[in-house]
Amino acid sequence: MCRIRTNGTSTETYLDTASRRAFDNFAEFDALYGDVPDMPALPHPRAMTARQVPAAIREGLEVTRAA
């Protein structure tokens, strides 16, 4: 697992795509916010693991491995 840091604090990341409906708490989200349109997929490739991110970018983002 890799962590992203924002202002020195570990931060979760989440890309809001159509997968939201697969979450266990989707009914609760739907009750709170109603019909929120799905965000279309980004036209850029995404790194699914830390090893897919070039070393120079990893170093700039301060990606660290969880213990």
N, C-alpha and C. Protein backbone atom coordinates (compact mmCIF):
# COMPACT_ATOMS: atom_id res chain seq x y z
N MET A 1 0.83 -1.18 0.00
CA MET A 1 0.00 0.00 0.00
C MET A 1 0.88 1.24 0.00
N CYS A 2 0.52 2.23 -0.78
CA CYS A 2 1.26 3.48 -0.82
C CYS A 2 0.40 4.58 -0.24
N ARG A 3 1.04 5.55 0.30
CA ARG A 3 0.32 6.69 0.86
C ARG A 3 0.67 7.95 0.10
N ILE A 4 -0.30 8.80 -0.10
CA ILE A 4 -0.09 10.12 -0.66
C ILE A 4 -0.11 11.09 0.50
N ARG A 5 0.81 12.03 0.50
CA ARG A 5 0.86 13.01 1.58
C ARG A 5 0.46 14.38 1.03
N THR A 6 -0.37 15.07 1.80
CA THR A 6 -0.80 16.42 1.47
C THR A 6 -0.47 17.30 2.65
N ASN A 7 0.34 18.32 2.41
CA ASN A 7 0.78 19.20 3.51
C ASN A 7 1.32 18.40 4.69
N GLY A 8 2.07 17.34 4.39
CA GLY A 8 2.70 16.54 5.42
C GLY A 8 1.80 15.53 6.11
N THR A 9 0.56 15.38 5.65
CA THR A 9 -0.39 14.48 6.27
C THR A 9 -0.80 13.39 5.30
N SER A 10 -0.88 12.14 5.76
CA SER A 10 -1.34 11.05 4.90
C SER A 10 -2.75 11.36 4.41
N THR A 11 -2.99 11.09 3.13
CA THR A 11 -4.25 11.44 2.50
C THR A 11 -4.79 10.24 1.73
N GLU A 12 -6.08 10.00 1.81
CA GLU A 12 -6.70 8.97 0.98
C GLU A 12 -6.94 9.54 -0.41
N THR A 13 -6.95 8.67 -1.39
CA THR A 13 -7.29 9.10 -2.74
C THR A 13 -8.49 8.28 -3.21
N TYR A 14 -9.30 8.89 -4.02
CA TYR A 14 -10.49 8.22 -4.53
C TYR A 14 -10.87 8.86 -5.85
N LEU A 15 -11.00 8.07 -6.87
CA LEU A 15 -11.45 8.56 -8.16
C LEU A 15 -12.92 8.20 -8.30
N ASP A 16 -13.78 9.19 -8.32
CA ASP A 16 -15.22 8.99 -8.32
C ASP A 16 -15.70 8.60 -9.71
N THR A 17 -15.81 7.30 -9.93
CA THR A 17 -16.31 6.79 -11.21
C THR A 17 -17.57 5.97 -10.94
N ALA A 18 -18.03 5.29 -11.91
CA ALA A 18 -19.27 4.52 -11.78
C ALA A 18 -19.21 3.43 -10.72
N SER A 19 -18.03 3.14 -10.19
CA SER A 19 -17.90 2.08 -9.19
C SER A 19 -18.55 2.43 -7.86
N ARG A 20 -18.97 3.67 -7.68
CA ARG A 20 -19.59 4.09 -6.42
C ARG A 20 -20.75 3.17 -6.06
N ARG A 21 -21.50 2.72 -7.04
CA ARG A 21 -22.67 1.88 -6.77
C ARG A 21 -22.29 0.52 -6.16
N ALA A 22 -21.04 0.13 -6.28
CA ALA A 22 -20.59 -1.14 -5.73
C ALA A 22 -20.27 -1.05 -4.23
N PHE A 23 -20.19 0.16 -3.68
CA PHE A 23 -19.87 0.32 -2.27
C PHE A 23 -21.04 -0.14 -1.41
N ASP A 24 -20.72 -0.70 -0.25
CA ASP A 24 -21.76 -1.18 0.67
C ASP A 24 -22.69 -0.06 1.13
N ASN A 25 -22.17 1.16 1.22
CA ASN A 25 -22.98 2.27 1.73
C ASN A 25 -23.58 3.14 0.63
N PHE A 26 -23.73 2.58 -0.58
CA PHE A 26 -24.28 3.38 -1.67
C PHE A 26 -25.70 3.87 -1.37
N ALA A 27 -26.52 3.05 -0.75
CA ALA A 27 -27.90 3.46 -0.44
C ALA A 27 -27.90 4.68 0.47
N GLU A 28 -26.98 4.70 1.43
CA GLU A 28 -26.89 5.86 2.33
C GLU A 28 -26.46 7.11 1.54
N PHE A 29 -25.47 6.96 0.68
CA PHE A 29 -25.03 8.08 -0.16
C PHE A 29 -26.18 8.59 -1.02
N ASP A 30 -26.89 7.66 -1.64
CA ASP A 30 -28.00 8.03 -2.51
C ASP A 30 -29.09 8.77 -1.73
N ALA A 31 -29.37 8.31 -0.50
CA ALA A 31 -30.38 8.98 0.33
C ALA A 31 -29.94 10.39 0.70
N LEU A 32 -28.65 10.59 0.94
CA LEU A 32 -28.15 11.91 1.31
C LEU A 32 -28.06 12.87 0.14
N TYR A 33 -27.58 12.38 -1.02
CA TYR A 33 -27.24 13.28 -2.13
C TYR A 33 -28.08 13.09 -3.38
N GLY A 34 -28.88 12.04 -3.43
CA GLY A 34 -29.72 11.83 -4.60
C GLY A 34 -28.93 11.36 -5.81
N ASP A 35 -29.49 11.61 -6.95
CA ASP A 35 -28.90 11.14 -8.20
C ASP A 35 -27.75 12.05 -8.63
N VAL A 36 -26.53 11.67 -8.28
CA VAL A 36 -25.35 12.43 -8.67
C VAL A 36 -24.82 11.80 -9.95
N PRO A 37 -24.63 12.59 -11.01
CA PRO A 37 -24.13 11.99 -12.26
C PRO A 37 -22.75 11.37 -12.07
N ASP A 38 -22.51 10.26 -12.75
CA ASP A 38 -21.20 9.62 -12.70
C ASP A 38 -20.18 10.50 -13.40
N MET A 39 -18.97 10.50 -12.86
CA MET A 39 -17.87 11.22 -13.49
C MET A 39 -17.35 10.35 -14.63
N PRO A 40 -17.22 10.90 -15.82
CA PRO A 40 -16.70 10.08 -16.92
C PRO A 40 -15.25 9.69 -16.66
N ALA A 41 -14.84 8.59 -17.22
CA ALA A 41 -13.45 8.14 -17.08
C ALA A 41 -12.51 9.17 -17.68
N LEU A 42 -11.38 9.36 -17.04
CA LEU A 42 -10.39 10.31 -17.54
C LEU A 42 -9.71 9.73 -18.79
N PRO A 43 -9.35 10.58 -19.74
CA PRO A 43 -8.74 10.08 -20.96
C PRO A 43 -7.25 9.80 -20.82
N HIS A 44 -6.72 9.82 -19.61
CA HIS A 44 -5.30 9.61 -19.38
C HIS A 44 -5.06 8.27 -18.70
N PRO A 45 -3.92 7.64 -18.96
CA PRO A 45 -3.63 6.38 -18.27
C PRO A 45 -3.43 6.62 -16.77
N ARG A 46 -3.75 5.63 -15.97
CA ARG A 46 -3.59 5.74 -14.52
C ARG A 46 -2.64 4.65 -14.04
N ALA A 47 -1.84 4.99 -13.06
CA ALA A 47 -0.98 4.00 -12.42
C ALA A 47 -1.81 3.28 -11.37
N MET A 48 -1.85 1.97 -11.45
CA MET A 48 -2.63 1.19 -10.50
C MET A 48 -1.80 0.74 -9.31
N THR A 49 -0.48 0.77 -9.45
CA THR A 49 0.42 0.42 -8.35
C THR A 49 1.58 1.40 -8.34
N ALA A 50 2.27 1.49 -7.21
CA ALA A 50 3.39 2.42 -7.08
C ALA A 50 4.49 2.14 -8.10
N ARG A 51 4.69 0.87 -8.42
CA ARG A 51 5.78 0.56 -9.36
C ARG A 51 5.52 1.09 -10.76
N GLN A 52 4.29 1.43 -11.07
CA GLN A 52 3.97 1.99 -12.38
C GLN A 52 4.22 3.50 -12.45
N VAL A 53 4.50 4.10 -11.32
CA VAL A 53 4.77 5.54 -11.29
C VAL A 53 6.28 5.73 -11.44
N PRO A 54 6.72 6.56 -12.40
CA PRO A 54 8.15 6.78 -12.58
C PRO A 54 8.82 7.25 -11.28
N ALA A 55 10.06 6.81 -11.06
CA ALA A 55 10.78 7.11 -9.83
C ALA A 55 10.83 8.61 -9.54
N ALA A 56 11.08 9.43 -10.55
CA ALA A 56 11.17 10.88 -10.34
C ALA A 56 9.85 11.44 -9.81
N ILE A 57 8.75 10.93 -10.29
CA ILE A 57 7.44 11.40 -9.81
C ILE A 57 7.19 10.88 -8.40
N ARG A 58 7.51 9.61 -8.14
CA ARG A 58 7.35 9.06 -6.79
C ARG A 58 8.12 9.88 -5.77
N GLU A 59 9.36 10.24 -6.12
CA GLU A 59 10.18 11.02 -5.19
C GLU A 59 9.58 12.40 -4.97
N GLY A 60 9.05 13.01 -6.02
CA GLY A 60 8.43 14.32 -5.89
C GLY A 60 7.16 14.29 -5.08
N LEU A 61 6.44 13.17 -5.11
CA LEU A 61 5.20 13.01 -4.36
C LEU A 61 5.43 12.48 -2.97
N GLU A 62 6.66 12.08 -2.68
CA GLU A 62 7.01 11.47 -1.38
C GLU A 62 6.15 10.25 -1.11
N VAL A 63 6.02 9.38 -2.11
CA VAL A 63 5.27 8.14 -1.93
C VAL A 63 6.07 7.23 -1.00
N THR A 64 5.42 6.72 0.03
CA THR A 64 6.08 5.82 0.97
C THR A 64 5.30 4.53 1.08
N ARG A 65 5.95 3.49 1.48
CA ARG A 65 5.29 2.21 1.68
C ARG A 65 4.81 2.10 3.11
N ALA A 66 3.60 1.58 3.27
CA ALA A 66 3.06 1.35 4.61
C ALA A 66 3.78 0.17 5.24
N ALA A 67 3.93 0.22 6.54
CA ALA A 67 4.63 -0.87 7.24
C ALA A 67 3.73 -2.08 7.38
